[in-house]
Amino acid sequence: MKTITTVAARENFAELINQASYGGRRVILTRRGKPVAALVSLKDLRILEDGPEGEKNGSDKV
C-alpha cells in the first residue's frame, strides 16, 4: 500500500485517481506524518461498506 502526504496527493490527484480506479491501488494520505485518510477504488469502498455482496451490486452511483 502506497503512503503519500496530502500535499503530494493534491499535486498528483489525477494520477492517484487513475491508480485507484484502474489499478486497484490503495493509498494512505498523511498529514504531519500521521495517516488521516485513504484513497481506494469504488469497488473496494463498496466491499468495505457492504461486505462482498456489495461488489455484486454493480451500481456506480455514489
PDB file of N, CA and C in Angstrom:
ATOM      1  N   MET A   1       0.848  -1.164   0.000  1.00  0.00           N
ATOM      2  CA  MET A   1       0.000   0.000   0.000  1.00  0.00           C
ATOM      3  C   MET A   1       0.900   1.234   0.000  1.00  0.00           C
ATOM      4  N   LYS A   2       0.580   2.172  -0.859  1.00  0.00           N
ATOM      5  CA  LYS A   2       1.363   3.391  -1.002  1.00  0.00           C
ATOM      6  C   LYS A   2       0.955   4.407   0.068  1.00  0.00           C
ATOM      7  N   THR A   3       1.921   5.162   0.568  1.00  0.00           N
ATOM      8  CA  THR A   3       1.664   6.243   1.514  1.00  0.00           C
ATOM      9  C   THR A   3       2.178   7.535   0.899  1.00  0.00           C
ATOM     10  N   ILE A   4       1.368   8.597   0.985  1.00  0.00           N
ATOM     11  CA  ILE A   4       1.726   9.877   0.375  1.00  0.00           C
ATOM     12  C   ILE A   4       1.178  11.011   1.236  1.00  0.00           C
ATOM     13  N   THR A   5       1.869  12.139   1.240  1.00  0.00           N
ATOM     14  CA  THR A   5       1.384  13.284   2.012  1.00  0.00           C
ATOM     15  C   THR A   5       0.190  13.917   1.303  1.00  0.00           C
ATOM     16  N   THR A   6      -0.602  14.660   2.051  1.00  0.00           N
ATOM     17  CA  THR A   6      -1.756  15.333   1.442  1.00  0.00           C
ATOM     18  C   THR A   6      -1.303  16.374   0.424  1.00  0.00           C
ATOM     19  N   VAL A   7      -0.170  17.011   0.661  1.00  0.00           N
ATOM     20  CA  VAL A   7       0.360  17.994  -0.292  1.00  0.00           C
ATOM     21  C   VAL A   7       0.712  17.306  -1.610  1.00  0.00           C
ATOM     22  N   ALA A   8       1.428  16.193  -1.534  1.00  0.00           N
ATOM     23  CA  ALA A   8       1.793  15.443  -2.738  1.00  0.00           C
ATOM     24  C   ALA A   8       0.551  14.884  -3.424  1.00  0.00           C
ATOM     25  N   ALA A   9      -0.445  14.494  -2.646  1.00  0.00           N
ATOM     26  CA  ALA A   9      -1.683  13.970  -3.225  1.00  0.00           C
ATOM     27  C   ALA A   9      -2.389  15.043  -4.046  1.00  0.00           C
ATOM     28  N   ARG A  10      -2.413  16.271  -3.540  1.00  0.00           N
ATOM     29  CA  ARG A  10      -3.030  17.371  -4.295  1.00  0.00           C
ATOM     30  C   ARG A  10      -2.317  17.583  -5.619  1.00  0.00           C
ATOM     31  N   GLU A  11      -0.996  17.502  -5.597  1.00  0.00           N
ATOM     32  CA  GLU A  11      -0.194  17.728  -6.800  1.00  0.00           C
ATOM     33  C   GLU A  11      -0.345  16.606  -7.819  1.00  0.00           C
ATOM     34  N   ASN A  12      -0.711  15.412  -7.368  1.00  0.00           N
ATOM     35  CA  ASN A  12      -0.792  14.238  -8.245  1.00  0.00           C
ATOM     36  C   ASN A  12      -2.174  13.594  -8.217  1.00  0.00           C
ATOM     37  N   PHE A  13      -3.199  14.389  -7.968  1.00  0.00           N
ATOM     38  CA  PHE A  13      -4.529  13.842  -7.727  1.00  0.00           C
ATOM     39  C   PHE A  13      -5.047  12.990  -8.888  1.00  0.00           C
ATOM     40  N   ALA A  14      -4.933  13.479 -10.112  1.00  0.00           N
ATOM     41  CA  ALA A  14      -5.443  12.727 -11.267  1.00  0.00           C
ATOM     42  C   ALA A  14      -4.759  11.365 -11.388  1.00  0.00           C
ATOM     43  N   GLU A  15      -3.456  11.339 -11.193  1.00  0.00           N
ATOM     44  CA  GLU A  15      -2.714  10.077 -11.279  1.00  0.00           C
ATOM     45  C   GLU A  15      -3.124   9.115 -10.170  1.00  0.00           C
ATOM     46  N   LEU A  16      -3.329   9.629  -8.963  1.00  0.00           N
ATOM     47  CA  LEU A  16      -3.762   8.776  -7.850  1.00  0.00           C
ATOM     48  C   LEU A  16      -5.147   8.189  -8.112  1.00  0.00           C
ATOM     49  N   ILE A  17      -6.035   8.997  -8.667  1.00  0.00           N
ATOM     50  CA  ILE A  17      -7.377   8.509  -9.014  1.00  0.00           C
ATOM     51  C   ILE A  17      -7.269   7.378 -10.031  1.00  0.00           C
ATOM     52  N   ASN A  18      -6.450   7.559 -11.048  1.00  0.00           N
ATOM     53  CA  ASN A  18      -6.269   6.508 -12.056  1.00  0.00           C
ATOM     54  C   ASN A  18      -5.692   5.239 -11.442  1.00  0.00           C
ATOM     55  N   GLN A  19      -4.710   5.385 -10.560  1.00  0.00           N
ATOM     56  CA  GLN A  19      -4.109   4.216  -9.920  1.00  0.00           C
ATOM     57  C   GLN A  19      -5.128   3.459  -9.077  1.00  0.00           C
ATOM     58  N   ALA A  20      -5.986   4.186  -8.385  1.00  0.00           N
ATOM     59  CA  ALA A  20      -7.000   3.537  -7.544  1.00  0.00           C
ATOM     60  C   ALA A  20      -8.093   2.909  -8.397  1.00  0.00           C
ATOM     61  N   SER A  21      -8.615   3.671  -9.359  1.00  0.00           N
ATOM     62  CA  SER A  21      -9.774   3.181 -10.103  1.00  0.00           C
ATOM     63  C   SER A  21      -9.428   2.104 -11.123  1.00  0.00           C
ATOM     64  N   TYR A  22      -8.287   2.228 -11.793  1.00  0.00           N
ATOM     65  CA  TYR A  22      -7.939   1.255 -12.831  1.00  0.00           C
ATOM     66  C   TYR A  22      -6.942   0.205 -12.357  1.00  0.00           C
ATOM     67  N   GLY A  23      -6.094   0.562 -11.407  1.00  0.00           N
ATOM     68  CA  GLY A  23      -5.057  -0.361 -10.956  1.00  0.00           C
ATOM     69  C   GLY A  23      -5.344  -1.016  -9.623  1.00  0.00           C
ATOM     70  N   GLY A  24      -6.423  -0.583  -8.964  1.00  0.00           N
ATOM     71  CA  GLY A  24      -6.769  -1.170  -7.681  1.00  0.00           C
ATOM     72  C   GLY A  24      -5.821  -0.799  -6.551  1.00  0.00           C
ATOM     73  N   ARG A  25      -5.008   0.215  -6.769  1.00  0.00           N
ATOM     74  CA  ARG A  25      -4.034   0.616  -5.747  1.00  0.00           C
ATOM     75  C   ARG A  25      -4.734   1.348  -4.607  1.00  0.00           C
ATOM     76  N   ARG A  26      -4.302   1.078  -3.404  1.00  0.00           N
ATOM     77  CA  ARG A  26      -4.814   1.754  -2.209  1.00  0.00           C
ATOM     78  C   ARG A  26      -3.741   2.717  -1.720  1.00  0.00           C
ATOM     79  N   VAL A  27      -4.161   3.919  -1.355  1.00  0.00           N
ATOM     80  CA  VAL A  27      -3.216   4.955  -0.964  1.00  0.00           C
ATOM     81  C   VAL A  27      -3.617   5.516   0.396  1.00  0.00           C
ATOM     82  N   ILE A  28      -2.658   5.577   1.304  1.00  0.00           N
ATOM     83  CA  ILE A  28      -2.853   6.208   2.612  1.00  0.00           C
ATOM     84  C   ILE A  28      -2.365   7.652   2.494  1.00  0.00           C
ATOM     85  N   LEU A  29      -3.195   8.606   2.898  1.00  0.00           N
ATOM     86  CA  LEU A  29      -2.822  10.015   2.890  1.00  0.00           C
ATOM     87  C   LEU A  29      -2.402  10.420   4.296  1.00  0.00           C
ATOM     88  N   THR A  30      -1.267  11.110   4.377  1.00  0.00           N
ATOM     89  CA  THR A  30      -0.766  11.523   5.687  1.00  0.00           C
ATOM     90  C   THR A  30      -0.674  13.043   5.776  1.00  0.00           C
ATOM     91  N   ARG A  31      -0.821  13.530   6.996  1.00  0.00           N
ATOM     92  CA  ARG A  31      -0.628  14.950   7.297  1.00  0.00           C
ATOM     93  C   ARG A  31       0.229  15.019   8.546  1.00  0.00           C
ATOM     94  N   ARG A  32       1.351  15.719   8.433  1.00  0.00           N
ATOM     95  CA  ARG A  32       2.305  15.826   9.541  1.00  0.00           C
ATOM     96  C   ARG A  32       2.750  14.453  10.036  1.00  0.00           C
ATOM     97  N   GLY A  33       2.890  13.520   9.081  1.00  0.00           N
ATOM     98  CA  GLY A  33       3.390  12.191   9.403  1.00  0.00           C
ATOM     99  C   GLY A  33       2.370  11.210   9.944  1.00  0.00           C
ATOM    100  N   LYS A  34       1.119  11.649  10.075  1.00  0.00           N
ATOM    101  CA  LYS A  34       0.085  10.763  10.618  1.00  0.00           C
ATOM    102  C   LYS A  34      -0.958  10.450   9.549  1.00  0.00           C
ATOM    103  N   PRO A  35      -1.409   9.190   9.463  1.00  0.00           N
ATOM    104  CA  PRO A  35      -2.445   8.833   8.490  1.00  0.00           C
ATOM    105  C   PRO A  35      -3.755   9.550   8.820  1.00  0.00           C
ATOM    106  N   VAL A  36      -4.365  10.162   7.790  1.00  0.00           N
ATOM    107  CA  VAL A  36      -5.614  10.895   8.003  1.00  0.00           C
ATOM    108  C   VAL A  36      -6.749  10.424   7.096  1.00  0.00           C
ATOM    109  N   ALA A  37      -6.411   9.757   5.994  1.00  0.00           N
ATOM    110  CA  ALA A  37      -7.438   9.314   5.050  1.00  0.00           C
ATOM    111  C   ALA A  37      -6.845   8.245   4.144  1.00  0.00           C
ATOM    112  N   ALA A  38      -7.734   7.623   3.367  1.00  0.00           N
ATOM    113  CA  ALA A  38      -7.289   6.623   2.397  1.00  0.00           C
ATOM    114  C   ALA A  38      -8.031   6.831   1.090  1.00  0.00           C
ATOM    115  N   LEU A  39      -7.361   6.519  -0.001  1.00  0.00           N
ATOM    116  CA  LEU A  39      -7.964   6.573  -1.326  1.00  0.00           C
ATOM    117  C   LEU A  39      -8.045   5.142  -1.837  1.00  0.00           C
ATOM    118  N   VAL A  40      -9.268   4.693  -2.114  1.00  0.00           N
ATOM    119  CA  VAL A  40      -9.490   3.331  -2.606  1.00  0.00           C
ATOM    120  C   VAL A  40     -10.440   3.388  -3.787  1.00  0.00           C
ATOM    121  N   SER A  41     -10.480   2.336  -4.562  1.00  0.00           N
ATOM    122  CA  SER A  41     -11.409   2.273  -5.683  1.00  0.00           C
ATOM    123  C   SER A  41     -12.845   2.195  -5.166  1.00  0.00           C
ATOM    124  N   LEU A  42     -13.783   2.531  -6.022  1.00  0.00           N
ATOM    125  CA  LEU A  42     -15.192   2.433  -5.663  1.00  0.00           C
ATOM    126  C   LEU A  42     -15.564   0.987  -5.345  1.00  0.00           C
ATOM    127  N   LYS A  43     -14.980   0.053  -6.072  1.00  0.00           N
ATOM    128  CA  LYS A  43     -15.217  -1.370  -5.810  1.00  0.00           C
ATOM    129  C   LYS A  43     -14.797  -1.730  -4.384  1.00  0.00           C
ATOM    130  N   ASP A  44     -13.602  -1.289  -3.980  1.00  0.00           N
ATOM    131  CA  ASP A  44     -13.127  -1.573  -2.622  1.00  0.00           C
ATOM    132  C   ASP A  44     -13.996  -0.892  -1.572  1.00  0.00           C
ATOM    133  N   LEU A  45     -14.442   0.321  -1.846  1.00  0.00           N
ATOM    134  CA  LEU A  45     -15.314   1.021  -0.902  1.00  0.00           C
ATOM    135  C   LEU A  45     -16.608   0.255  -0.692  1.00  0.00           C
ATOM    136  N   ARG A  46     -17.187  -0.225  -1.775  1.00  0.00           N
ATOM    137  CA  ARG A  46     -18.441  -0.989  -1.652  1.00  0.00           C
ATOM    138  C   ARG A  46     -18.239  -2.254  -0.830  1.00  0.00           C
ATOM    139  N   ILE A  47     -17.122  -2.919  -1.031  1.00  0.00           N
ATOM    140  CA  ILE A  47     -16.832  -4.122  -0.250  1.00  0.00           C
ATOM    141  C   ILE A  47     -16.688  -3.764   1.225  1.00  0.00           C
ATOM    142  N   LEU A  48     -16.013  -2.661   1.513  1.00  0.00           N
ATOM    143  CA  LEU A  48     -15.854  -2.221   2.903  1.00  0.00           C
ATOM    144  C   LEU A  48     -17.196  -1.883   3.544  1.00  0.00           C
ATOM    145  N   GLU A  49     -18.070  -1.227   2.789  1.00  0.00           N
ATOM    146  CA  GLU A  49     -19.353  -0.796   3.338  1.00  0.00           C
ATOM    147  C   GLU A  49     -20.384  -1.914   3.403  1.00  0.00           C
ATOM    148  N   ASP A  50     -20.418  -2.767   2.382  1.00  0.00           N
ATOM    149  CA  ASP A  50     -21.493  -3.750   2.259  1.00  0.00           C
ATOM    150  C   ASP A  50     -21.040  -5.192   2.412  1.00  0.00           C
ATOM    151  N   GLY A  51     -19.753  -5.437   2.521  1.00  0.00           N
ATOM    152  CA  GLY A  51     -19.256  -6.793   2.505  1.00  0.00           C
ATOM    153  C   GLY A  51     -19.133  -7.261   1.065  1.00  0.00           C
ATOM    154  N   PRO A  52     -18.739  -8.488   0.840  1.00  0.00           N
ATOM    155  CA  PRO A  52     -18.533  -8.997  -0.518  1.00  0.00           C
ATOM    156  C   PRO A  52     -19.751  -8.865  -1.424  1.00  0.00           C
ATOM    157  N   GLU A  53     -20.969  -8.913  -0.873  1.00  0.00           N
ATOM    158  CA  GLU A  53     -22.151  -8.779  -1.724  1.00  0.00           C
ATOM    159  C   GLU A  53     -22.276  -7.378  -2.295  1.00  0.00           C
ATOM    160  N   GLY A  54     -21.634  -6.364  -1.691  1.00  0.00           N
ATOM    161  CA  GLY A  54     -21.650  -5.006  -2.224  1.00  0.00           C
ATOM    162  C   GLY A  54     -20.980  -4.924  -3.578  1.00  0.00           C
ATOM    163  N   GLU A  55     -20.014  -5.793  -3.820  1.00  0.00           N
ATOM    164  CA  GLU A  55     -19.327  -5.836  -5.100  1.00  0.00           C
ATOM    165  C   GLU A  55     -20.280  -6.259  -6.212  1.00  0.00           C
ATOM    166  N   LYS A  56     -21.260  -7.079  -5.893  1.00  0.00           N
ATOM    167  CA  LYS A  56     -22.188  -7.600  -6.890  1.00  0.00           C
ATOM    168  C   LYS A  56     -23.251  -6.586  -7.280  1.00  0.00           C
ATOM    169  N   ASN A  57     -23.388  -5.517  -6.483  1.00  0.00           N
ATOM    170  CA  ASN A  57     -24.405  -4.505  -6.724  1.00  0.00           C
ATOM    171  C   ASN A  57     -24.303  -3.938  -8.129  1.00  0.00           C
ATOM    172  N   GLY A  58     -23.078  -3.598  -8.572  1.00  0.00           N
ATOM    173  CA  GLY A  58     -22.867  -3.126  -9.923  1.00  0.00           C
ATOM    174  C   GLY A  58     -23.176  -1.664 -10.138  1.00  0.00           C
ATOM    175  N   SER A  59     -23.738  -0.987  -9.191  1.00  0.00           N
ATOM    176  CA  SER A  59     -24.082   0.413  -9.350  1.00  0.00           C
ATOM    177  C   SER A  59     -22.850   1.280  -9.175  1.00  0.00           C
ATOM    178  N   ASP A  60     -22.684   2.283 -10.049  1.00  0.00           N
ATOM    179  CA  ASP A  60     -21.562   3.204  -9.938  1.00  0.00           C
ATOM    180  C   ASP A  60     -21.964   4.515  -9.288  1.00  0.00           C
ATOM    181  N   LYS A  61     -23.185   4.618  -8.820  1.00  0.00           N
ATOM    182  CA  LYS A  61     -23.631   5.843  -8.169  1.00  0.00           C
ATOM    183  C   LYS A  61     -23.064   5.899  -6.763  1.00  0.00           C
ATOM    184  N   VAL A  62     -22.597   7.072  -6.394  1.00  0.00           N
ATOM    185  CA  VAL A  62     -22.018   7.263  -5.062  1.00  0.00           C
ATOM    186  C   VAL A  62     -23.017   7.966  -4.185  1.00  0.00           C
TER     187      VAL A  62
END
